[in-house]
PDB file of N, CA and C in Angstrom:
ATOM      1  N   UNK A   1     -12.727  -7.105   9.058  1.00  0.00           N
ATOM      2  CA  UNK A   1     -12.578  -7.003   7.737  1.00  0.00           C
ATOM      3  C   UNK A   1     -11.803  -6.846   6.668  1.00  0.00           C
ATOM      4  N   UNK A   2     -12.043  -7.208   5.343  1.00  0.00           N
ATOM      5  CA  UNK A   2     -11.039  -7.216   4.494  1.00  0.00           C
ATOM      6  C   UNK A   2     -11.479  -5.901   3.418  1.00  0.00           C
ATOM      7  N   UNK A   3     -10.541  -5.106   3.090  1.00  0.00           N
ATOM      8  CA  UNK A   3     -10.904  -4.012   1.857  1.00  0.00           C
ATOM      9  C   UNK A   3     -10.447  -5.384   0.372  1.00  0.00           C
ATOM     10  N   UNK A   4     -11.605  -5.224  -0.730  1.00  0.00           N
ATOM     11  CA  UNK A   4     -11.937  -4.946  -1.692  1.00  0.00           C
ATOM     12  C   UNK A   4     -12.096  -4.326  -2.380  1.00  0.00           C
ATOM     13  N   UNK A   5     -11.206  -5.043  -4.128  1.00  0.00           N
ATOM     14  CA  UNK A   5     -11.721  -4.039  -5.451  1.00  0.00           C
ATOM     15  C   UNK A   5     -12.852  -3.661  -5.386  1.00  0.00           C
ATOM     16  N   UNK A   6     -12.941  -2.390  -5.399  1.00  0.00           N
ATOM     17  CA  UNK A   6     -14.373  -1.574  -5.200  1.00  0.00           C
ATOM     18  C   UNK A   6     -14.776  -1.259  -3.958  1.00  0.00           C
ATOM     19  N   UNK A   7     -14.842  -1.657  -3.149  1.00  0.00           N
ATOM     20  CA  UNK A   7     -15.136  -0.996  -2.026  1.00  0.00           C
ATOM     21  C   UNK A   7     -14.578   0.214  -0.997  1.00  0.00           C
ATOM     22  N   UNK A   8     -15.206   0.681  -0.986  1.00  0.00           N
ATOM     23  CA  UNK A   8     -14.937   2.329   0.072  1.00  0.00           C
ATOM     24  C   UNK A   8     -13.697   1.561   0.798  1.00  0.00           C
ATOM     25  N   UNK A   9     -12.285   2.634   0.675  1.00  0.00           N
ATOM     26  CA  UNK A   9     -11.405   2.770   1.247  1.00  0.00           C
ATOM     27  C   UNK A   9     -11.853   3.801   2.723  1.00  0.00           C
ATOM     28  N   UNK A  10     -11.199   2.486   3.682  1.00  0.00           N
ATOM     29  CA  UNK A  10     -11.207   2.904   4.904  1.00  0.00           C
ATOM     30  C   UNK A  10     -11.410   4.388   4.964  1.00  0.00           C
ATOM     31  N   UNK A  11     -11.268   5.318   5.911  1.00  0.00           N
ATOM     32  CA  UNK A  11     -10.244   7.071   6.801  1.00  0.00           C
ATOM     33  C   UNK A  11      -9.068   6.988   6.419  1.00  0.00           C
ATOM     34  N   UNK A  12      -8.007   7.795   6.467  1.00  0.00           N
ATOM     35  CA  UNK A  12      -7.328   7.833   6.705  1.00  0.00           C
ATOM     36  C   UNK A  12      -6.143   8.970   6.719  1.00  0.00           C
ATOM     37  N   UNK A  13      -5.182   9.568   7.825  1.00  0.00           N
ATOM     38  CA  UNK A  13      -4.772  10.289   7.782  1.00  0.00           C
ATOM     39  C   UNK A  13      -3.091  10.361   8.368  1.00  0.00           C
ATOM     40  N   UNK A  14      -2.906   9.719   7.179  1.00  0.00           N
ATOM     41  CA  UNK A  14      -1.409   9.119   6.583  1.00  0.00           C
ATOM     42  C   UNK A  14       0.478  10.668   6.196  1.00  0.00           C
ATOM     43  N   UNK A  15       0.889  10.176   6.525  1.00  0.00           N
ATOM     44  CA  UNK A  15       2.041  10.937   5.908  1.00  0.00           C
ATOM     45  C   UNK A  15       2.620  10.397   4.388  1.00  0.00           C
ATOM     46  N   UNK A  16       2.604  10.912   3.683  1.00  0.00           N
ATOM     47  CA  UNK A  16       3.394  10.647   2.277  1.00  0.00           C
ATOM     48  C   UNK A  16       4.872  10.935   2.476  1.00  0.00           C
ATOM     49  N   UNK A  17       5.226   9.515   1.653  1.00  0.00           N
ATOM     50  CA  UNK A  17       6.869  10.410   0.514  1.00  0.00           C
ATOM     51  C   UNK A  17       7.136  11.693   0.117  1.00  0.00           C
ATOM     52  N   UNK A  18       6.291  12.198   0.128  1.00  0.00           N
ATOM     53  CA  UNK A  18       6.365  13.244  -0.897  1.00  0.00           C
ATOM     54  C   UNK A  18       5.933  14.425   0.315  1.00  0.00           C
ATOM     55  N   UNK A  19       6.328  14.320   2.016  1.00  0.00           N
ATOM     56  CA  UNK A  19       6.599  15.128   2.618  1.00  0.00           C
ATOM     57  C   UNK A  19       5.298  15.920   3.316  1.00  0.00           C
ATOM     58  N   UNK A  20       3.980  15.289   1.817  1.00  0.00           N
ATOM     59  CA  UNK A  20       2.740  16.157   2.634  1.00  0.00           C
ATOM     60  C   UNK A  20       2.160  14.588   3.159  1.00  0.00           C
ATOM     61  N   UNK A  21       0.573  15.278   4.217  1.00  0.00           N
ATOM     62  CA  UNK A  21      -0.188  14.536   4.599  1.00  0.00           C
ATOM     63  C   UNK A  21      -1.150  13.909   3.249  1.00  0.00           C
ATOM     64  N   UNK A  22      -2.094  12.486   3.237  1.00  0.00           N
ATOM     65  CA  UNK A  22      -2.798  12.286   3.199  1.00  0.00           C
ATOM     66  C   UNK A  22      -3.519  11.525   3.531  1.00  0.00           C
ATOM     67  N   UNK A  23      -4.978  12.419   2.914  1.00  0.00           N
ATOM     68  CA  UNK A  23      -6.170  11.983   3.849  1.00  0.00           C
ATOM     69  C   UNK A  23      -7.989  11.230   2.721  1.00  0.00           C
ATOM     70  N   UNK A  24      -8.254  10.432   3.362  1.00  0.00           N
ATOM     71  CA  UNK A  24      -9.635   9.728   2.074  1.00  0.00           C
ATOM     72  C   UNK A  24      -9.760  10.992   1.484  1.00  0.00           C
ATOM     73  N   UNK A  25     -10.504  11.993   1.958  1.00  0.00           N
ATOM     74  CA  UNK A  25     -10.979  12.959   1.839  1.00  0.00           C
ATOM     75  C   UNK A  25     -10.379  13.856  -0.002  1.00  0.00           C
ATOM     76  N   UNK A  26      -8.472  13.616   0.133  1.00  0.00           N
ATOM     77  CA  UNK A  26      -7.652  14.370  -0.312  1.00  0.00           C
ATOM     78  C   UNK A  26      -8.313  13.118  -2.567  1.00  0.00           C
ATOM     79  N   UNK A  27      -8.296  12.183  -2.172  1.00  0.00           N
ATOM     80  CA  UNK A  27      -8.941  11.504  -3.713  1.00  0.00           C
ATOM     81  C   UNK A  27     -10.363  10.721  -3.429  1.00  0.00           C
ATOM     82  N   UNK A  28     -11.744  11.575  -3.098  1.00  0.00           N
ATOM     83  CA  UNK A  28     -12.978  11.640  -2.949  1.00  0.00           C
ATOM     84  C   UNK A  28     -12.977  11.984  -4.411  1.00  0.00           C
ATOM     85  N   UNK A  29     -13.459  11.054  -4.799  1.00  0.00           N
ATOM     86  CA  UNK A  29     -14.132  11.470  -7.028  1.00  0.00           C
ATOM     87  C   UNK A  29     -13.711  10.843  -7.738  1.00  0.00           C
ATOM     88  N   UNK A  30     -11.840  10.435  -7.015  1.00  0.00           N
ATOM     89  CA  UNK A  30     -11.297  10.147  -7.738  1.00  0.00           C
ATOM     90  C   UNK A  30     -10.885   8.557  -7.802  1.00  0.00           C
ATOM     91  N   UNK A  31     -10.553   7.976  -8.701  1.00  0.00           N
ATOM     92  CA  UNK A  31     -10.157   6.330  -8.474  1.00  0.00           C
ATOM     93  C   UNK A  31      -8.705   6.333  -8.134  1.00  0.00           C
ATOM     94  N   UNK A  32      -8.270   5.384  -7.019  1.00  0.00           N
ATOM     95  CA  UNK A  32      -6.381   5.456  -5.929  1.00  0.00           C
ATOM     96  C   UNK A  32      -6.482   3.365  -6.048  1.00  0.00           C
ATOM     97  N   UNK A  33      -5.104   3.381  -6.573  1.00  0.00           N
ATOM     98  CA  UNK A  33      -5.158   1.350  -6.336  1.00  0.00           C
ATOM     99  C   UNK A  33      -4.600   1.987  -4.190  1.00  0.00           C
ATOM    100  N   UNK A  34      -4.381   1.654  -3.589  1.00  0.00           N
ATOM    101  CA  UNK A  34      -4.483   1.566  -2.205  1.00  0.00           C
ATOM    102  C   UNK A  34      -3.677   0.080  -2.093  1.00  0.00           C
ATOM    103  N   UNK A  35      -2.600   0.137  -1.942  1.00  0.00           N
ATOM    104  CA  UNK A  35      -1.749  -0.959  -1.985  1.00  0.00           C
ATOM    105  C   UNK A  35      -0.739  -1.193  -0.001  1.00  0.00           C
ATOM    106  N   UNK A  36      -1.357  -2.165   0.614  1.00  0.00           N
ATOM    107  CA  UNK A  36      -0.477  -2.743   1.165  1.00  0.00           C
ATOM    108  C   UNK A  36       0.842  -3.490   1.096  1.00  0.00           C
ATOM    109  N   UNK A  37       1.706  -3.605   1.448  1.00  0.00           N
ATOM    110  CA  UNK A  37       3.134  -4.229   1.548  1.00  0.00           C
ATOM    111  C   UNK A  37       4.020  -3.613   2.896  1.00  0.00           C
ATOM    112  N   UNK A  38       4.439  -5.068   3.251  1.00  0.00           N
ATOM    113  CA  UNK A  38       4.996  -5.185   5.225  1.00  0.00           C
ATOM    114  C   UNK A  38       6.092  -3.971   4.920  1.00  0.00           C
ATOM    115  N   UNK A  39       7.002  -4.111   3.856  1.00  0.00           N
ATOM    116  CA  UNK A  39       7.844  -3.622   4.061  1.00  0.00           C
ATOM    117  C   UNK A  39       9.315  -2.817   2.759  1.00  0.00           C
ATOM    118  N   UNK A  40       9.923  -1.796   3.173  1.00  0.00           N
ATOM    119  CA  UNK A  40      10.632  -1.399   1.658  1.00  0.00           C
ATOM    120  C   UNK A  40      11.559  -2.119   1.389  1.00  0.00           C
ATOM    121  N   UNK A  41      11.593  -2.677  -0.147  1.00  0.00           N
ATOM    122  CA  UNK A  41      12.749  -2.358  -0.272  1.00  0.00           C
ATOM    123  C   UNK A  41      13.457  -4.722  -0.063  1.00  0.00           C
ATOM    124  N   UNK A  42      11.945  -5.325   0.360  1.00  0.00           N
ATOM    125  CA  UNK A  42      12.821  -6.786   0.278  1.00  0.00           C
ATOM    126  C   UNK A  42      12.132  -7.147  -0.599  1.00  0.00           C
ATOM    127  N   UNK A  43      12.337  -7.935  -1.386  1.00  0.00           N
ATOM    128  CA  UNK A  43      12.053  -8.819  -2.275  1.00  0.00           C
ATOM    129  C   UNK A  43      10.736  -9.271  -3.125  1.00  0.00           C
ATOM    130  N   UNK A  44       9.561  -9.678  -1.907  1.00  0.00           N
ATOM    131  CA  UNK A  44       8.531  -9.917  -2.648  1.00  0.00           C
ATOM    132  C   UNK A  44       7.896  -7.800  -2.686  1.00  0.00           C
ATOM    133  N   UNK A  45       8.149  -7.496  -1.583  1.00  0.00           N
ATOM    134  CA  UNK A  45       7.599  -5.916  -1.703  1.00  0.00           C
ATOM    135  C   UNK A  45       8.157  -5.258  -3.171  1.00  0.00           C
ATOM    136  N   UNK A  46       9.479  -5.150  -3.268  1.00  0.00           N
ATOM    137  CA  UNK A  46       9.994  -4.812  -4.678  1.00  0.00           C
ATOM    138  C   UNK A  46       9.314  -5.254  -5.591  1.00  0.00           C
ATOM    139  N   UNK A  47       9.442  -6.365  -5.785  1.00  0.00           N
ATOM    140  CA  UNK A  47       8.512  -6.718  -6.980  1.00  0.00           C
ATOM    141  C   UNK A  47       7.117  -6.352  -7.014  1.00  0.00           C
ATOM    142  N   UNK A  48       6.393  -6.296  -6.331  1.00  0.00           N
ATOM    143  CA  UNK A  48       4.680  -5.545  -6.395  1.00  0.00           C
ATOM    144  C   UNK A  48       4.346  -3.903  -7.077  1.00  0.00           C
ATOM    145  N   UNK A  49       6.048  -3.336  -6.059  1.00  0.00           N
ATOM    146  CA  UNK A  49       6.080  -2.038  -6.269  1.00  0.00           C
ATOM    147  C   UNK A  49       6.693  -2.479  -7.873  1.00  0.00           C
ATOM    148  N   UNK A  50       7.329  -1.942  -8.017  1.00  0.00           N
ATOM    149  CA  UNK A  50       7.871  -2.409  -9.628  1.00  0.00           C
ATOM    150  C   UNK A  50       7.193  -2.770 -10.217  1.00  0.00           C
ATOM    151  N   UNK A  51       5.908  -3.758 -10.027  1.00  0.00           N
ATOM    152  CA  UNK A  51       4.969  -4.045 -11.005  1.00  0.00           C
ATOM    153  C   UNK A  51       3.942  -2.941 -11.162  1.00  0.00           C
ATOM    154  N   UNK A  52       3.668  -2.536 -10.169  1.00  0.00           N
ATOM    155  CA  UNK A  52       3.106  -1.043 -10.132  1.00  0.00           C
ATOM    156  C   UNK A  52       3.779   0.432 -11.096  1.00  0.00           C
ATOM    157  N   UNK A  53       5.218  -0.358 -11.260  1.00  0.00           N
ATOM    158  CA  UNK A  53       5.365   1.330 -12.052  1.00  0.00           C
ATOM    159  C   UNK A  53       5.448   0.217 -12.981  1.00  0.00           C
ATOM    160  N   UNK A  54       6.052  -0.620 -12.855  1.00  0.00           N
ATOM    161  CA  UNK A  54       6.105  -0.893 -14.956  1.00  0.00           C
ATOM    162  C   UNK A  54       4.755  -0.538 -15.282  1.00  0.00           C
ATOM    163  N   UNK A  55       3.639  -0.741 -14.942  1.00  0.00           N
ATOM    164  CA  UNK A  55       1.875  -0.650 -15.701  1.00  0.00           C
ATOM    165  C   UNK A  55       1.527   0.831 -15.157  1.00  0.00           C
ATOM    166  N   UNK A  56       2.325   1.615 -15.026  1.00  0.00           N
ATOM    167  CA  UNK A  56       2.023   3.342 -14.801  1.00  0.00           C
ATOM    168  C   UNK A  56       1.095   3.491 -15.124  1.00  0.00           C
ATOM    169  N   UNK A  57       1.573   3.772 -16.565  1.00  0.00           N
ATOM    170  CA  UNK A  57       0.911   4.299 -17.813  1.00  0.00           C
ATOM    171  C   UNK A  57      -0.440   3.556 -18.401  1.00  0.00           C
ATOM    172  N   UNK A  58      -0.419   2.812 -17.888  1.00  0.00           N
ATOM    173  CA  UNK A  58      -2.132   2.443 -17.543  1.00  0.00           C
ATOM    174  C   UNK A  58      -2.617   2.910 -17.105  1.00  0.00           C
ATOM    175  N   UNK A  59      -2.112   2.619 -15.593  1.00  0.00           N
ATOM    176  CA  UNK A  59      -3.165   3.220 -14.337  1.00  0.00           C
ATOM    177  C   UNK A  59      -3.339   4.871 -15.063  1.00  0.00           C
ATOM    178  N   UNK A  60      -2.252   5.488 -15.450  1.00  0.00           N
ATOM    179  CA  UNK A  60      -2.369   7.077 -15.353  1.00  0.00           C
ATOM    180  C   UNK A  60      -3.875   7.228 -16.423  1.00  0.00           C
ATOM    181  N   UNK A  61      -4.070   6.392 -17.791  1.00  0.00           N
ATOM    182  CA  UNK A  61      -4.856   6.844 -18.601  1.00  0.00           C
ATOM    183  C   UNK A  61      -6.059   6.595 -17.704  1.00  0.00           C
ATOM    184  N   UNK A  62      -6.375   6.313 -17.087  1.00  0.00           N
ATOM    185  CA  UNK A  62      -7.707   5.821 -15.939  1.00  0.00           C
ATOM    186  C   UNK A  62      -7.231   6.660 -15.230  1.00  0.00           C
ATOM    187  N   UNK A  63      -7.022   7.340 -15.149  1.00  0.00           N
ATOM    188  CA  UNK A  63      -7.012   8.626 -14.181  1.00  0.00           C
ATOM    189  C   UNK A  63      -6.711   7.817 -12.705  1.00  0.00           C
ATOM    190  N   UNK A  64      -5.976   7.387 -13.099  1.00  0.00           N
ATOM    191  CA  UNK A  64      -6.591   6.819 -11.406  1.00  0.00           C
ATOM    192  C   UNK A  64      -4.844   7.051 -10.558  1.00  0.00           C
ATOM    193  N   UNK A  65      -4.679   7.006  -9.247  1.00  0.00           N
ATOM    194  CA  UNK A  65      -3.826   7.107  -8.405  1.00  0.00           C
ATOM    195  C   UNK A  65      -2.644   5.930  -7.744  1.00  0.00           C
ATOM    196  N   UNK A  66      -2.365   5.770  -7.544  1.00  0.00           N
ATOM    197  CA  UNK A  66      -1.399   4.574  -6.942  1.00  0.00           C
ATOM    198  C   UNK A  66      -0.571   5.093  -5.583  1.00  0.00           C
ATOM    199  N   UNK A  67      -1.070   4.647  -4.142  1.00  0.00           N
ATOM    200  CA  UNK A  67      -0.397   4.059  -2.917  1.00  0.00           C
ATOM    201  C   UNK A  67       0.077   3.682  -2.545  1.00  0.00           C
ATOM    202  N   UNK A  68       1.311   3.124  -1.991  1.00  0.00           N
ATOM    203  CA  UNK A  68       1.686   1.673  -1.138  1.00  0.00           C
ATOM    204  C   UNK A  68       1.725   1.950   0.481  1.00  0.00           C
ATOM    205  N   UNK A  69       1.181   1.168   1.003  1.00  0.00           N
ATOM    206  CA  UNK A  69       1.191   1.485   2.483  1.00  0.00           C
ATOM    207  C   UNK A  69       2.468   0.781   2.969  1.00  0.00           C
ATOM    208  N   UNK A  70       2.691   1.134   4.069  1.00  0.00           N
ATOM    209  CA  UNK A  70       3.713   0.292   5.172  1.00  0.00           C
ATOM    210  C   UNK A  70       4.030   0.794   6.279  1.00  0.00           C
ATOM    211  N   UNK A  71       4.390   0.525   7.055  1.00  0.00           N
ATOM    212  CA  UNK A  71       4.408   0.971   8.283  1.00  0.00           C
ATOM    213  C   UNK A  71       5.916   1.620   8.481  1.00  0.00           C
ATOM    214  N   UNK A  72       7.216   1.439   7.676  1.00  0.00           N
ATOM    215  CA  UNK A  72       7.652   2.091   7.334  1.00  0.00           C
ATOM    216  C   UNK A  72       7.947   3.730   7.156  1.00  0.00           C
ATOM    217  N   UNK A  73       9.030   3.970   7.198  1.00  0.00           N
ATOM    218  CA  UNK A  73       9.111   5.514   7.619  1.00  0.00           C
ATOM    219  C   UNK A  73       9.304   6.180   6.584  1.00  0.00           C
ATOM    220  N   UNK A  74       8.941   7.747   6.713  1.00  0.00           N
ATOM    221  CA  UNK A  74       9.194   8.016   5.083  1.00  0.00           C
ATOM    222  C   UNK A  74      10.871   8.525   4.878  1.00  0.00           C
ATOM    223  N   UNK A  75      12.018   8.079   5.194  1.00  0.00           N
ATOM    224  CA  UNK A  75      12.730   8.855   4.933  1.00  0.00           C
ATOM    225  C   UNK A  75      13.072   6.737   4.252  1.00  0.00           C
ATOM    226  N   UNK A  76      12.995   6.016   4.624  1.00  0.00           N
ATOM    227  CA  UNK A  76      13.135   5.165   4.076  1.00  0.00           C
ATOM    228  C   UNK A  76      12.202   4.847   3.075  1.00  0.00           C
ATOM    229  N   UNK A  77      10.687   5.475   2.941  1.00  0.00           N
ATOM    230  CA  UNK A  77       9.940   5.217   1.586  1.00  0.00           C
ATOM    231  C   UNK A  77      10.814   6.277   0.538  1.00  0.00           C
ATOM    232  N   UNK A  78      10.979   7.310   1.035  1.00  0.00           N
ATOM    233  CA  UNK A  78      11.935   7.674   0.171  1.00  0.00           C
ATOM    234  C   UNK A  78      13.268   7.348  -0.662  1.00  0.00           C
ATOM    235  N   UNK A  79      13.830   6.719   0.126  1.00  0.00           N
ATOM    236  CA  UNK A  79      15.332   5.348  -0.205  1.00  0.00           C
ATOM    237  C   UNK A  79      14.825   4.209  -1.488  1.00  0.00           C
ATOM    238  N   UNK A  80      13.372   4.195  -1.073  1.00  0.00           N
ATOM    239  CA  UNK A  80      12.912   2.865  -1.692  1.00  0.00           C
ATOM    240  C   UNK A  80      12.408   3.281  -3.150  1.00  0.00           C
ATOM    241  N   UNK A  81      11.541   4.853  -3.310  1.00  0.00           N
ATOM    242  CA  UNK A  81      11.210   5.202  -4.244  1.00  0.00           C
ATOM    243  C   UNK A  81      12.643   4.955  -4.900  1.00  0.00           C
ATOM    244  N   UNK A  82      13.616   5.524  -4.531  1.00  0.00           N
ATOM    245  CA  UNK A  82      14.883   6.090  -5.383  1.00  0.00           C
ATOM    246  C   UNK A  82      15.788   4.882  -6.043  1.00  0.00           C
ATOM    247  N   UNK A  83      15.838   3.870  -4.756  1.00  0.00           N
ATOM    248  CA  UNK A  83      16.537   2.831  -5.618  1.00  0.00           C
ATOM    249  C   UNK A  83      15.235   2.585  -6.846  1.00  0.00           C
ATOM    250  N   UNK A  84      14.574   2.343  -6.641  1.00  0.00           N
ATOM    251  CA  UNK A  84      13.643   1.441  -8.317  1.00  0.00           C
ATOM    252  C   UNK A  84      12.598   2.423  -8.809  1.00  0.00           C
ATOM    253  N   UNK A  85      13.154   3.659  -8.803  1.00  0.00           N
ATOM    254  CA  UNK A  85      12.503   4.906  -9.534  1.00  0.00           C
ATOM    255  C   UNK A  85      10.815   4.704  -9.772  1.00  0.00           C
ATOM    256  N   UNK A  86      10.501   4.647  -8.101  1.00  0.00           N
ATOM    257  CA  UNK A  86       9.184   4.185  -8.185  1.00  0.00           C
ATOM    258  C   UNK A  86       8.277   5.530  -8.388  1.00  0.00           C
ATOM    259  N   UNK A  87       7.531   5.747  -8.957  1.00  0.00           N
ATOM    260  CA  UNK A  87       6.931   7.031  -9.276  1.00  0.00           C
ATOM    261  C   UNK A  87       5.420   6.908  -8.813  1.00  0.00           C
ATOM    262  N   UNK A  88       4.963   7.136  -8.137  1.00  0.00           N
ATOM    263  CA  UNK A  88       4.173   7.137  -7.261  1.00  0.00           C
ATOM    264  C   UNK A  88       4.710   7.475  -5.468  1.00  0.00           C
ATOM    265  N   UNK A  89       3.381   7.304  -4.879  1.00  0.00           N
ATOM    266  CA  UNK A  89       3.482   7.716  -3.241  1.00  0.00           C
ATOM    267  C   UNK A  89       3.548   7.232  -2.512  1.00  0.00           C
ATOM    268  N   UNK A  90       4.398   6.676  -1.313  1.00  0.00           N
ATOM    269  CA  UNK A  90       4.111   5.713  -0.040  1.00  0.00           C
ATOM    270  C   UNK A  90       4.114   6.524   0.871  1.00  0.00           C
ATOM    271  N   UNK A  91       3.020   5.846   1.826  1.00  0.00           N
ATOM    272  CA  UNK A  91       2.074   6.898   3.101  1.00  0.00           C
ATOM    273  C   UNK A  91       3.289   5.621   3.885  1.00  0.00           C
ATOM    274  N   UNK A  92       3.579   6.121   4.681  1.00  0.00           N
ATOM    275  CA  UNK A  92       3.490   5.934   5.775  1.00  0.00           C
ATOM    276  C   UNK A  92       2.868   5.611   7.468  1.00  0.00           C
ATOM    277  N   UNK A  93       2.175   4.384   8.117  1.00  0.00           N
ATOM    278  CA  UNK A  93       1.699   3.440   8.636  1.00  0.00           C
ATOM    279  C   UNK A  93       2.329   3.171   9.841  1.00  0.00           C
ATOM    280  N   UNK A  94       3.047   3.666  10.637  1.00  0.00           N
ATOM    281  CA  UNK A  94       3.816   3.503  11.574  1.00  0.00           C
ATOM    282  C   UNK A  94       3.276   2.569  12.743  1.00  0.00           C
ATOM    283  N   UNK A  95       1.924   3.095  13.071  1.00  0.00           N
ATOM    284  CA  UNK A  95       1.226   2.107  13.610  1.00  0.00           C
ATOM    285  C   UNK A  95      -0.200   1.184  13.294  1.00  0.00           C
ATOM    286  N   UNK A  96       0.158   0.785  12.371  1.00  0.00           N
ATOM    287  CA  UNK A  96      -0.409  -0.282  10.947  1.00  0.00           C
ATOM    288  C   UNK A  96      -1.864  -0.045  11.634  1.00  0.00           C
ATOM    289  N   UNK A  97      -2.110   1.528  11.692  1.00  0.00           N
ATOM    290  CA  UNK A  97      -3.772   1.100  12.236  1.00  0.00           C
ATOM    291  C   UNK A  97      -4.326   1.234   9.860  1.00  0.00           C
ATOM    292  N   UNK A  98      -4.458   1.896   9.137  1.00  0.00           N
ATOM    293  CA  UNK A  98      -5.028   1.019   8.038  1.00  0.00           C
ATOM    294  C   UNK A  98      -4.635   0.262   7.329  1.00  0.00           C
ATOM    295  N   UNK A  99      -2.999  -0.551   7.877  1.00  0.00           N
ATOM    296  CA  UNK A  99      -3.343  -1.757   7.354  1.00  0.00           C
ATOM    297  C   UNK A  99      -3.946  -2.925   8.647  1.00  0.00           C
ATOM    298  N   UNK A 100      -4.086  -2.321   9.161  1.00  0.00           N
ATOM    299  CA  UNK A 100      -4.977  -4.053  10.350  1.00  0.00           C
ATOM    300  C   UNK A 100      -6.689  -3.264   9.615  1.00  0.00           C
ATOM    301  N   UNK A 101      -7.014  -2.736   9.117  1.00  0.00           N
ATOM    302  CA  UNK A 101      -8.176  -2.163   8.631  1.00  0.00           C
ATOM    303  C   UNK A 101      -8.176  -3.715   7.205  1.00  0.00           C
ATOM    304  N   UNK A 102      -7.109  -3.393   6.584  1.00  0.00           N
ATOM    305  CA  UNK A 102      -6.916  -4.333   5.555  1.00  0.00           C
ATOM    306  C   UNK A 102      -6.519  -5.729   5.683  1.00  0.00           C
ATOM    307  N   UNK A 103      -6.234  -5.989   7.036  1.00  0.00           N
ATOM    308  CA  UNK A 103      -5.797  -7.581   6.642  1.00  0.00           C
ATOM    309  C   UNK A 103      -7.337  -8.780   6.721  1.00  0.00           C
ATOM    310  N   UNK A 104      -6.145  -9.317   6.230  1.00  0.00           N
ATOM    311  CA  UNK A 104      -7.536 -10.995   5.088  1.00  0.00           C
ATOM    312  C   UNK A 104      -7.352 -12.156   6.820  1.00  0.00           C
ATOM    313  N   UNK A 105      -8.017 -12.078   6.562  1.00  0.00           N
ATOM    314  CA  UNK A 105      -8.455 -13.771   7.358  1.00  0.00           C
ATOM    315  C   UNK A 105      -8.404 -15.225   6.593  1.00  0.00           C
ATOM    316  N   UNK A 106      -7.783 -15.611   7.118  1.00  0.00           N
ATOM    317  CA  UNK A 106      -7.448 -17.047   5.998  1.00  0.00           C
ATOM    318  C   UNK A 106      -7.734 -17.802   6.487  1.00  0.00           C
ATOM    319  N   UNK A 107      -8.135 -18.751   7.250  1.00  0.00           N
ATOM    320  CA  UNK A 107      -8.263 -20.166   8.293  1.00  0.00           C
ATOM    321  C   UNK A 107      -7.334 -21.091   7.559  1.00  0.00           C
ATOM    322  N   UNK A 108      -6.644 -21.632   8.347  1.00  0.00           N
ATOM    323  CA  UNK A 108      -5.472 -22.885   7.509  1.00  0.00           C
ATOM    324  C   UNK A 108      -4.263 -22.236   7.077  1.00  0.00           C
ATOM    325  N   UNK A 109      -4.406 -20.741   6.660  1.00  0.00           N
ATOM    326  CA  UNK A 109      -3.192 -20.295   6.610  1.00  0.00           C
ATOM    327  C   UNK A 109      -2.501 -19.733   8.020  1.00  0.00           C
ATOM    328  N   UNK A 110      -0.731 -19.654   7.985  1.00  0.00           N
ATOM    329  CA  UNK A 110      -0.297 -19.076   9.095  1.00  0.00           C
ATOM    330  C   UNK A 110       1.005 -18.808   8.316  1.00  0.00           C
ATOM    331  N   UNK A 111       0.835 -16.971   8.919  1.00  0.00           N
ATOM    332  CA  UNK A 111       2.069 -15.876   8.520  1.00  0.00           C
ATOM    333  C   UNK A 111       3.107 -16.922   9.078  1.00  0.00           C
ATOM    334  N   UNK A 112       4.376 -15.656   9.497  1.00  0.00           N
ATOM    335  CA  UNK A 112       6.458 -15.563   9.843  1.00  0.00           C
ATOM    336  C   UNK A 112       5.347 -16.094  11.423  1.00  0.00           C
ATOM    337  N   UNK A 113       4.744 -15.027  11.760  1.00  0.00           N
ATOM    338  CA  UNK A 113       4.128 -15.802  13.458  1.00  0.00           C
ATOM    339  C   UNK A 113       3.555 -16.306  14.461  1.00  0.00           C
ATOM    340  N   UNK A 114       2.955 -17.215  13.329  1.00  0.00           N
ATOM    341  CA  UNK A 114       1.910 -18.055  13.399  1.00  0.00           C
ATOM    342  C   UNK A 114       0.561 -18.209  13.692  1.00  0.00           C
ATOM    343  N   UNK A 115       0.131 -16.102  13.136  1.00  0.00           N
ATOM    344  CA  UNK A 115      -1.056 -15.893  13.253  1.00  0.00           C
ATOM    345  C   UNK A 115      -1.844 -16.369  11.081  1.00  0.00           C
ATOM    346  N   UNK A 116      -3.140 -17.191  12.116  1.00  0.00           N
ATOM    347  CA  UNK A 116      -4.550 -17.147  10.893  1.00  0.00           C
ATOM    348  C   UNK A 116      -4.040 -15.896   9.985  1.00  0.00           C
ATOM    349  N   UNK A 117      -3.906 -15.085  10.974  1.00  0.00           N
ATOM    350  CA  UNK A 117      -4.302 -13.139  10.342  1.00  0.00           C
ATOM    351  C   UNK A 117      -3.331 -13.029   8.858  1.00  0.00           C
ATOM    352  N   UNK A 118      -2.703 -11.904   7.979  1.00  0.00           N
ATOM    353  CA  UNK A 118      -1.505 -11.400   7.294  1.00  0.00           C
ATOM    354  C   UNK A 118      -2.422 -10.242   6.263  1.00  0.00           C
ATOM    355  N   UNK A 119      -1.704  -9.352   6.050  1.00  0.00           N
ATOM    356  CA  UNK A 119      -0.771  -8.247   6.081  1.00  0.00           C
ATOM    357  C   UNK A 119      -1.507  -8.409   4.089  1.00  0.00           C
ATOM    358  N   UNK A 120      -1.416  -7.422   3.120  1.00  0.00           N
ATOM    359  CA  UNK A 120      -2.023  -7.880   2.381  1.00  0.00           C
ATOM    360  C   UNK A 120      -2.837  -8.595   1.101  1.00  0.00           C
ATOM    361  N   UNK A 121      -1.982  -9.170   0.073  1.00  0.00           N
ATOM    362  CA  UNK A 121      -2.677  -9.727  -0.929  1.00  0.00           C
ATOM    363  C   UNK A 121      -2.431 -11.356  -0.468  1.00  0.00           C
ATOM    364  N   UNK A 122      -3.729 -12.238  -1.383  1.00  0.00           N
ATOM    365  CA  UNK A 122      -3.406 -13.275  -1.091  1.00  0.00           C
ATOM    366  C   UNK A 122      -3.190 -14.375  -1.719  1.00  0.00           C
ATOM    367  N   UNK A 123      -2.840 -15.280  -2.313  1.00  0.00           N
ATOM    368  CA  UNK A 123      -2.434 -15.695  -2.856  1.00  0.00           C
ATOM    369  C   UNK A 123      -1.525 -17.204  -3.176  1.00  0.00           C
ATOM    370  N   UNK A 124      -3.414 -17.571  -3.271  1.00  0.00           N
ATOM    371  CA  UNK A 124      -2.902 -19.164  -2.354  1.00  0.00           C
ATOM    372  C   UNK A 124      -1.936 -20.132  -2.960  1.00  0.00           C
TER     373      UNK A 124
END
């Protein structure tokens, strides 16, 4: 199953960089962007996070919230947030339970581990 724009997000209960637990119920009736990335402070993930940072005014004008999800821990998330001045919460998914639901299956494309499955945005 892949998660697409406009689809209902799967249930989750994850620790946030703000020290709080975040669940889908916390965002019921709200618009939010749930984006997945492999690791804090890597080139592609930094570019993606800074893209959300740079467009945060538009996101907020739409009354939406941005939440980033990776398997990194809260301490790593907080260092990433501080280094790039990220104005949104990052969620820690150490067992990749939520990310697994967001997996995209693309035949003929392989990730670095040789799998036909990978996480995140598909960019042909």
